N, C-alpha and C. Protein backbone atom coordinates (compact mmCIF):
# COMPACT_ATOMS: atom_id res chain seq x y z
N MET A 1 21.85 48.48 -9.39
CA MET A 1 21.96 49.37 -10.17
C MET A 1 21.55 48.83 -11.70
N LEU A 2 21.78 47.83 -11.62
CA LEU A 2 21.01 47.35 -13.01
C LEU A 2 19.71 47.58 -13.15
N ARG A 3 18.55 47.16 -11.41
CA ARG A 3 17.32 47.24 -12.18
C ARG A 3 17.52 48.67 -12.30
N VAL A 4 17.76 49.84 -11.94
CA VAL A 4 17.64 51.43 -11.81
C VAL A 4 17.61 51.42 -13.53
N PHE A 5 19.10 50.53 -14.18
CA PHE A 5 18.96 51.03 -15.38
C PHE A 5 18.06 50.49 -16.03
N LEU A 6 17.38 49.14 -16.08
CA LEU A 6 16.63 48.55 -16.45
C LEU A 6 14.94 49.18 -16.35
N ASN A 7 14.69 49.79 -15.43
CA ASN A 7 13.36 50.71 -14.89
C ASN A 7 13.39 51.86 -16.10
N ARG A 8 14.32 52.51 -16.21
CA ARG A 8 14.27 54.05 -17.06
C ARG A 8 14.40 53.33 -18.20
N LEU A 9 14.80 52.08 -18.82
CA LEU A 9 14.52 51.69 -20.17
C LEU A 9 13.16 51.19 -20.06
N GLY A 10 12.42 50.75 -19.69
CA GLY A 10 11.42 50.46 -19.18
C GLY A 10 11.05 49.00 -19.44
N LEU A 11 12.34 48.17 -19.15
CA LEU A 11 12.52 46.98 -19.60
C LEU A 11 12.47 45.89 -18.32
N ALA A 12 12.25 46.21 -17.14
CA ALA A 12 12.35 45.70 -15.92
C ALA A 12 11.01 44.56 -15.62
N PRO A 13 10.10 45.27 -16.29
CA PRO A 13 8.75 44.04 -16.12
C PRO A 13 8.82 42.83 -17.33
N CYS A 14 9.73 43.53 -18.49
CA CYS A 14 10.11 41.94 -19.09
C CYS A 14 11.03 41.85 -18.84
N VAL A 15 11.97 42.03 -18.18
CA VAL A 15 12.83 40.90 -17.69
C VAL A 15 12.14 39.83 -16.56
N ILE A 16 11.67 40.41 -15.69
CA ILE A 16 10.76 39.95 -14.68
C ILE A 16 9.81 38.52 -15.25
N ALA A 17 9.12 39.06 -16.24
CA ALA A 17 8.32 38.53 -16.78
C ALA A 17 9.30 36.74 -17.57
N LEU A 18 10.29 37.10 -17.89
CA LEU A 18 10.99 36.50 -19.05
C LEU A 18 11.77 35.60 -17.60
N MET A 19 11.89 35.81 -16.74
CA MET A 19 12.94 35.04 -15.42
C MET A 19 11.33 34.03 -14.86
N LEU A 20 10.20 34.66 -14.92
CA LEU A 20 9.33 33.87 -14.32
C LEU A 20 8.99 32.96 -15.09
N GLY A 21 8.69 33.24 -16.64
CA GLY A 21 8.87 32.49 -17.34
C GLY A 21 9.40 31.48 -17.27
N THR A 22 10.74 31.36 -16.99
CA THR A 22 11.59 30.51 -17.32
C THR A 22 11.36 29.62 -16.32
N LEU A 23 11.19 30.03 -15.07
CA LEU A 23 10.89 29.09 -13.85
C LEU A 23 9.51 28.36 -14.46
N VAL A 24 8.72 28.74 -14.84
CA VAL A 24 7.68 28.08 -14.97
C VAL A 24 7.56 26.77 -16.01
N ILE A 25 8.91 27.34 -17.07
CA ILE A 25 9.41 26.50 -17.81
C ILE A 25 9.73 25.39 -17.51
N ALA A 26 10.99 25.30 -16.83
CA ALA A 26 11.80 24.51 -15.74
C ALA A 26 10.99 23.74 -15.21
N ALA A 27 9.99 24.08 -14.41
CA ALA A 27 8.93 23.61 -13.11
C ALA A 27 8.67 22.09 -13.62
N PRO A 28 8.68 21.02 -13.13
CA PRO A 28 8.20 19.85 -14.02
C PRO A 28 6.62 19.90 -13.75
N ILE A 29 5.80 19.50 -15.20
CA ILE A 29 4.49 19.82 -15.17
C ILE A 29 3.57 18.11 -14.65
N VAL A 30 3.09 18.01 -13.50
CA VAL A 30 2.54 16.91 -13.60
C VAL A 30 1.17 17.13 -13.14
N ASN A 31 0.45 16.17 -13.74
CA ASN A 31 -1.35 15.93 -13.52
C ASN A 31 -1.40 15.53 -11.88
N ALA A 32 -2.14 16.55 -11.56
CA ALA A 32 -2.57 16.18 -10.08
C ALA A 32 -3.16 15.31 -9.58
N LYS A 33 -4.06 14.86 -10.71
CA LYS A 33 -4.76 13.47 -10.71
C LYS A 33 -4.07 12.28 -10.50
N GLY A 34 -3.09 12.17 -11.04
CA GLY A 34 -1.92 11.43 -10.69
C GLY A 34 -1.50 10.65 -12.48
N GLY A 35 -2.74 11.26 -13.64
CA GLY A 35 -2.69 10.25 -15.25
C GLY A 35 -1.44 10.55 -15.59
N PRO A 36 -1.71 10.65 -17.02
CA PRO A 36 -0.21 11.45 -17.72
C PRO A 36 -0.33 12.66 -17.75
N PRO A 37 0.93 13.37 -18.08
CA PRO A 37 0.89 14.33 -18.22
C PRO A 37 0.43 15.32 -18.79
N ARG A 38 -0.45 16.23 -18.46
CA ARG A 38 -1.20 16.79 -19.78
C ARG A 38 -0.16 17.04 -20.54
N THR A 39 0.86 17.95 -20.53
CA THR A 39 1.52 18.86 -21.45
C THR A 39 2.16 17.83 -22.78
N VAL A 40 1.86 16.26 -22.28
CA VAL A 40 2.67 15.25 -23.45
C VAL A 40 1.46 14.62 -23.98
N PHE A 41 0.52 14.12 -23.44
CA PHE A 41 -0.61 13.40 -23.82
C PHE A 41 -2.19 13.82 -24.14
N LEU A 42 -3.02 13.29 -24.44
CA LEU A 42 -4.28 13.71 -24.84
C LEU A 42 -4.89 12.66 -24.56
N VAL A 43 -5.51 12.92 -23.33
CA VAL A 43 -6.38 11.49 -22.84
C VAL A 43 -7.97 11.77 -23.54
N LEU A 44 -8.38 10.55 -24.32
CA LEU A 44 -9.55 10.73 -24.29
C LEU A 44 -10.28 9.94 -23.36
N PRO A 45 -11.63 10.62 -23.67
CA PRO A 45 -12.78 10.03 -22.76
C PRO A 45 -13.30 8.68 -23.12
N ASP A 46 -13.25 7.83 -22.29
CA ASP A 46 -13.53 6.52 -22.33
C ASP A 46 -15.25 6.02 -23.06
N ILE A 47 -15.94 7.02 -23.25
CA ILE A 47 -17.14 6.74 -23.67
C ILE A 47 -17.28 7.21 -25.25
N ILE A 48 -15.81 7.80 -25.97
CA ILE A 48 -16.09 7.29 -27.36
C ILE A 48 -15.05 5.88 -27.75
N ALA A 49 -15.81 5.73 -28.53
CA ALA A 49 -14.73 4.29 -29.52
C ALA A 49 -13.17 4.63 -29.21
N PRO A 50 -12.24 3.97 -29.16
CA PRO A 50 -10.94 4.22 -29.17
C PRO A 50 -10.28 4.36 -30.20
N PRO A 51 -9.33 5.22 -30.80
CA PRO A 51 -8.87 4.85 -31.95
C PRO A 51 -7.93 3.96 -32.00
N THR A 52 -7.08 3.45 -33.11
CA THR A 52 -6.71 2.19 -33.64
C THR A 52 -5.66 2.70 -34.86
N VAL A 53 -4.77 2.03 -35.16
CA VAL A 53 -3.60 2.03 -36.15
C VAL A 53 -2.84 1.40 -36.82
N GLN A 54 -3.03 0.76 -37.80
CA GLN A 54 -2.16 -0.31 -38.32
C GLN A 54 -1.42 0.07 -39.27
N VAL A 55 0.02 -0.46 -39.32
CA VAL A 55 0.84 0.22 -40.68
C VAL A 55 1.04 -1.05 -41.42
N ARG A 56 1.16 -0.34 -42.68
CA ARG A 56 1.87 -1.10 -43.66
C ARG A 56 2.91 -0.83 -44.60
N ALA A 57 3.70 -1.10 -44.98
CA ALA A 57 4.71 -0.69 -45.91
C ALA A 57 5.06 -1.51 -47.11
N ASP A 58 5.10 -0.79 -47.94
CA ASP A 58 5.38 -1.44 -49.48
C ASP A 58 6.49 -0.30 -49.85
N ALA A 59 7.76 -1.09 -50.35
CA ALA A 59 8.88 -0.09 -51.08
C ALA A 59 8.71 -0.25 -52.26
N LEU A 60 9.19 1.20 -52.64
CA LEU A 60 9.59 2.01 -53.97
C LEU A 60 10.16 1.77 -54.57
N GLY A 61 11.36 1.52 -54.09
CA GLY A 61 12.85 1.49 -54.64
C GLY A 61 13.41 2.36 -54.04
N GLY A 62 14.69 2.44 -54.35
CA GLY A 62 16.00 3.09 -53.60
C GLY A 62 16.09 3.26 -52.21
N GLY A 63 15.13 2.36 -51.24
CA GLY A 63 15.38 2.38 -49.98
C GLY A 63 14.21 3.38 -49.40
N ARG A 64 13.33 3.54 -50.68
CA ARG A 64 12.12 4.35 -50.11
C ARG A 64 10.99 3.52 -49.47
N TYR A 65 10.00 3.75 -49.12
CA TYR A 65 8.80 2.78 -48.74
C TYR A 65 7.90 3.89 -48.53
N ARG A 66 6.70 3.70 -49.00
CA ARG A 66 5.27 4.11 -48.17
C ARG A 66 4.51 3.30 -47.52
N LEU A 67 4.40 4.28 -46.70
CA LEU A 67 3.63 3.91 -45.53
C LEU A 67 1.88 3.71 -45.56
N TYR A 68 1.13 3.15 -45.30
CA TYR A 68 -0.29 3.10 -45.14
C TYR A 68 -0.76 2.90 -43.72
N LEU A 69 -1.58 3.82 -43.34
CA LEU A 69 -1.86 4.04 -42.05
C LEU A 69 -3.11 3.63 -42.08
N ASP A 70 -3.18 2.36 -41.71
CA ASP A 70 -4.89 2.21 -41.65
C ASP A 70 -5.62 2.20 -39.85
N THR A 71 -6.33 3.79 -40.05
CA THR A 71 -7.00 3.99 -38.75
C THR A 71 -8.19 3.53 -38.60
N ARG A 72 -8.91 3.47 -37.06
CA ARG A 72 -10.36 3.58 -37.07
C ARG A 72 -10.37 4.05 -36.25
N ASN A 73 -11.75 4.86 -35.88
CA ASN A 73 -12.11 5.88 -34.77
C ASN A 73 -10.87 7.36 -34.85
N PHE A 74 -10.27 7.81 -35.92
CA PHE A 74 -9.55 8.80 -36.11
C PHE A 74 -9.57 9.25 -37.65
N ALA A 75 -9.61 10.70 -37.10
CA ALA A 75 -9.68 11.79 -38.76
C ALA A 75 -8.55 12.38 -38.66
N PHE A 76 -7.84 12.60 -39.72
CA PHE A 76 -6.46 13.20 -39.74
C PHE A 76 -7.04 14.49 -40.43
N THR A 77 -6.10 15.18 -40.09
CA THR A 77 -6.22 16.72 -40.17
C THR A 77 -4.66 17.51 -40.17
N ASP A 78 -4.94 18.34 -41.29
CA ASP A 78 -3.11 19.57 -41.58
C ASP A 78 -3.54 20.59 -40.56
N ILE A 79 -4.73 20.61 -39.84
CA ILE A 79 -5.06 21.97 -38.88
C ILE A 79 -4.28 21.80 -37.79
N CYS A 80 -3.34 22.55 -37.26
CA CYS A 80 -2.81 22.29 -35.47
C CYS A 80 -3.63 23.77 -34.78
N VAL A 81 -3.98 23.58 -33.40
CA VAL A 81 -3.87 24.42 -32.36
C VAL A 81 -3.08 24.32 -31.20
N LEU A 82 -3.19 25.25 -30.42
CA LEU A 82 -2.68 25.77 -29.64
C LEU A 82 -3.03 24.93 -28.53
N GLU A 83 -3.90 24.13 -28.06
CA GLU A 83 -4.75 23.54 -27.26
C GLU A 83 -5.83 23.11 -27.60
N ALA A 84 -5.54 21.03 -27.99
CA ALA A 84 -7.05 20.04 -28.74
C ALA A 84 -8.05 19.79 -27.78
N GLU A 85 -8.92 20.01 -28.04
CA GLU A 85 -10.14 19.09 -27.30
C GLU A 85 -9.83 17.43 -27.43
N ALA A 86 -10.33 16.74 -26.32
CA ALA A 86 -9.86 15.67 -26.30
C ALA A 86 -10.78 14.90 -27.70
N ALA A 87 -10.42 14.90 -28.60
CA ALA A 87 -11.33 14.31 -29.50
C ALA A 87 -10.18 13.31 -30.29
N PRO A 88 -10.56 12.95 -31.38
CA PRO A 88 -9.44 11.36 -31.77
C PRO A 88 -9.58 12.16 -33.70
N ILE A 89 -8.89 13.42 -33.22
CA ILE A 89 -8.63 13.80 -35.00
C ILE A 89 -6.97 14.70 -34.60
N GLY A 90 -6.11 14.54 -35.60
CA GLY A 90 -5.02 15.27 -35.73
C GLY A 90 -4.13 14.40 -37.08
N HIS A 91 -2.82 13.96 -36.05
CA HIS A 91 -2.06 13.64 -37.35
C HIS A 91 -0.96 12.55 -36.76
N ALA A 92 0.11 11.79 -37.43
CA ALA A 92 0.79 10.92 -36.68
C ALA A 92 1.87 11.54 -36.56
N HIS A 93 3.02 10.74 -35.80
CA HIS A 93 4.53 10.86 -35.58
C HIS A 93 4.78 9.67 -36.55
N ILE A 94 6.02 9.46 -37.58
CA ILE A 94 6.57 8.40 -37.65
C ILE A 94 7.82 8.36 -37.08
N HIS A 95 7.93 7.59 -36.58
CA HIS A 95 9.63 6.99 -35.96
C HIS A 95 10.41 5.72 -37.05
N VAL A 96 11.09 6.06 -37.44
CA VAL A 96 12.15 4.62 -37.53
C VAL A 96 13.48 4.98 -36.89
N ASP A 97 13.24 3.66 -35.94
CA ASP A 97 14.57 3.23 -35.34
C ASP A 97 14.67 3.93 -34.00
N GLY A 98 13.48 4.76 -33.56
CA GLY A 98 13.19 5.59 -32.59
C GLY A 98 13.60 6.62 -32.64
N ALA A 99 13.79 7.09 -33.86
CA ALA A 99 14.08 8.78 -34.10
C ALA A 99 12.88 9.26 -35.37
N LYS A 100 12.53 10.29 -34.92
CA LYS A 100 11.00 11.16 -35.61
C LYS A 100 11.76 11.35 -37.07
N VAL A 101 10.84 10.80 -38.15
CA VAL A 101 11.48 11.20 -39.82
C VAL A 101 9.92 12.17 -40.57
N ALA A 102 9.34 11.93 -39.39
CA ALA A 102 8.19 12.71 -40.53
C ALA A 102 6.91 12.57 -39.62
N SER A 103 5.45 13.36 -39.89
CA SER A 103 4.15 13.74 -39.59
C SER A 103 3.44 13.52 -40.55
N ALA A 104 2.53 12.95 -40.64
CA ALA A 104 1.71 12.22 -41.98
C ALA A 104 0.32 13.34 -41.21
N PHE A 105 -0.22 14.31 -42.28
CA PHE A 105 -1.27 14.81 -41.94
C PHE A 105 -2.44 14.08 -42.59
N PHE A 106 -2.21 12.76 -43.09
CA PHE A 106 -2.89 11.96 -44.74
C PHE A 106 -2.63 10.74 -43.97
N PRO A 107 -3.67 9.49 -44.49
CA PRO A 107 -3.08 8.17 -44.28
C PRO A 107 -1.88 7.37 -45.06
N VAL A 108 -1.28 8.30 -45.89
CA VAL A 108 -0.15 7.35 -46.83
C VAL A 108 0.62 8.93 -46.63
N ILE A 109 2.43 8.12 -46.50
CA ILE A 109 3.44 8.90 -46.46
C ILE A 109 4.07 8.02 -47.15
N ASP A 110 5.53 8.49 -47.64
CA ASP A 110 6.31 8.42 -48.25
C ASP A 110 7.81 8.39 -47.42
N ILE A 111 8.25 7.88 -46.50
CA ILE A 111 9.66 7.75 -45.94
C ILE A 111 10.97 7.02 -46.73
N GLY A 112 11.86 7.75 -46.27
CA GLY A 112 13.48 7.26 -46.54
C GLY A 112 13.91 8.34 -47.49
N PRO A 113 14.93 7.87 -48.21
CA PRO A 113 15.76 6.20 -48.44
C PRO A 113 16.16 6.01 -47.21
N LEU A 114 15.87 4.83 -46.85
CA LEU A 114 16.61 4.01 -45.69
C LEU A 114 17.89 3.45 -46.24
N ASP A 115 18.51 3.00 -44.84
CA ASP A 115 20.22 2.29 -45.00
C ASP A 115 19.50 0.40 -44.95
N PRO A 116 20.40 -0.07 -45.85
CA PRO A 116 20.14 -1.41 -45.44
C PRO A 116 19.76 -2.03 -44.57
N GLY A 117 19.43 -2.91 -44.06
CA GLY A 117 19.19 -3.74 -42.79
C GLY A 117 17.57 -3.46 -42.18
N ALA A 118 17.86 -3.73 -41.22
CA ALA A 118 16.20 -4.14 -40.51
C ALA A 118 15.98 -2.80 -39.48
N HIS A 119 14.96 -2.05 -40.00
CA HIS A 119 14.07 -1.10 -39.36
C HIS A 119 12.59 -1.41 -38.45
N HIS A 120 12.89 -0.75 -37.35
CA HIS A 120 11.63 -0.69 -36.47
C HIS A 120 10.77 0.66 -37.20
N ILE A 121 9.39 0.55 -37.39
CA ILE A 121 8.63 1.74 -37.48
C ILE A 121 7.55 1.89 -36.66
N ASP A 122 7.27 3.10 -36.04
CA ASP A 122 6.40 3.57 -35.38
C ASP A 122 5.37 4.54 -35.88
N VAL A 123 4.40 4.47 -35.35
CA VAL A 123 3.38 5.56 -35.50
C VAL A 123 2.63 5.77 -34.38
N VAL A 124 2.44 7.08 -34.03
CA VAL A 124 1.90 7.82 -32.81
C VAL A 124 1.16 8.66 -33.26
N LEU A 125 -0.26 8.22 -32.91
CA LEU A 125 -1.27 9.31 -33.39
C LEU A 125 -1.18 10.24 -32.34
N ARG A 126 -1.70 11.38 -33.00
CA ARG A 126 -1.47 13.02 -32.08
C ARG A 126 -2.94 13.77 -32.08
N GLY A 127 -2.71 14.45 -31.31
CA GLY A 127 -3.80 15.09 -31.66
C GLY A 127 -3.55 16.38 -32.08
N GLN A 128 -4.58 17.39 -32.33
CA GLN A 128 -4.44 19.15 -33.20
C GLN A 128 -3.11 19.72 -32.73
N ASP A 129 -3.01 19.75 -31.08
CA ASP A 129 -1.76 20.31 -30.75
C ASP A 129 -0.28 19.49 -30.48
N HIS A 130 -0.50 18.55 -30.70
CA HIS A 130 0.75 17.66 -31.21
C HIS A 130 0.95 16.80 -29.72
N ARG A 131 0.06 16.30 -28.66
CA ARG A 131 0.00 15.59 -27.87
C ARG A 131 -0.06 14.29 -27.99
N ALA A 132 0.72 13.12 -28.20
CA ALA A 132 0.02 11.94 -27.99
C ALA A 132 -1.06 11.23 -27.36
N LEU A 133 -1.99 10.59 -28.43
CA LEU A 133 -3.28 10.25 -27.96
C LEU A 133 -3.48 8.81 -27.16
N ILE A 134 -3.98 8.98 -25.81
CA ILE A 134 -4.11 7.89 -24.80
C ILE A 134 -5.96 7.59 -25.11
N ALA A 135 -5.66 6.20 -25.32
CA ALA A 135 -7.29 5.87 -25.51
C ALA A 135 -7.43 4.31 -24.56
N GLN A 136 -8.00 4.25 -23.63
CA GLN A 136 -8.43 3.52 -22.73
C GLN A 136 -6.96 3.15 -21.99
N GLY A 137 -6.39 4.06 -21.66
CA GLY A 137 -4.93 3.92 -20.77
C GLY A 137 -3.96 3.93 -21.63
N ALA A 138 -4.01 3.38 -22.92
CA ALA A 138 -2.49 2.99 -23.66
C ALA A 138 -2.27 4.32 -24.94
N MET A 139 -1.02 4.78 -25.09
CA MET A 139 -1.09 5.44 -26.33
C MET A 139 -1.33 4.97 -27.52
N VAL A 140 -2.13 5.23 -28.31
CA VAL A 140 -2.28 4.91 -29.71
C VAL A 140 -1.38 4.80 -30.27
N GLN A 141 -1.15 3.64 -30.89
CA GLN A 141 0.34 3.81 -32.09
C GLN A 141 -0.46 2.65 -32.24
N GLY A 142 0.87 2.46 -33.80
CA GLY A 142 1.15 0.96 -34.27
C GLY A 142 2.51 0.74 -35.15
N HIS A 143 2.73 -0.44 -35.09
CA HIS A 143 4.17 -0.54 -35.66
C HIS A 143 4.52 -1.35 -36.39
N THR A 144 5.66 -1.62 -37.05
CA THR A 144 5.70 -2.53 -38.53
C THR A 144 7.53 -2.83 -38.51
N ARG A 145 7.77 -3.55 -39.03
CA ARG A 145 9.09 -3.92 -39.15
C ARG A 145 9.48 -3.66 -40.42
N LEU A 146 10.47 -3.50 -41.14
CA LEU A 146 10.52 -3.70 -42.57
C LEU A 146 12.67 -4.26 -42.76
N VAL A 147 12.61 -5.14 -43.98
CA VAL A 147 14.39 -4.85 -44.21
C VAL A 147 14.72 -4.40 -45.58
N VAL A 148 15.56 -3.48 -45.25
CA VAL A 148 15.97 -3.02 -46.63
C VAL A 148 17.23 -3.66 -47.08
N PRO A 149 17.02 -4.15 -48.39
CA PRO A 149 18.16 -5.32 -48.68
C PRO A 149 19.36 -4.29 -49.07
N ASP A 150 20.28 -5.43 -49.04
CA ASP A 150 21.91 -4.82 -49.47
C ASP A 150 21.59 -3.84 -50.66
N ARG A 151 20.99 -4.50 -51.39
CA ARG A 151 20.81 -4.14 -53.25
C ARG A 151 19.11 -3.57 -53.35
N PRO A 152 18.72 -1.96 -52.57
CA PRO A 152 17.47 -1.54 -53.05
C PRO A 152 16.80 -2.18 -54.54
N ILE A 153 16.00 -2.57 -54.10
CA ILE A 153 15.23 -2.59 -55.36
C ILE A 153 15.08 -1.58 -56.50
């Protein structure tokens, strides 16, 4: 009965496509070659120099910090695409204590205010399609720790 109703409205193909799309999205996506999942990671070829990132933080006052992302063999861009080529170009995701707080499209970004106490900052380089970059078998990332004083500067 429902199918007849949907056919009359011309919606049956749309409903079927939506149902199939849901099945495809729900199915686990695994790289057949046994590497990292292609939907999450962008594996850079070994023939290019691997990118690196080091993180430095300067206090700005009030629990806010300026992060400097010193990268090698990587170009920042604010242009995003649906499917990126395996190249060291993109942006960075900034995580504080495991929670994403920002995306950096340039090598300098301000974060905060942060609560008083110790914090672990992780920076992960991403491709233009937001996949995490993998170079020489490891995710390209940098880390730093900082301590926000009880009385912010």
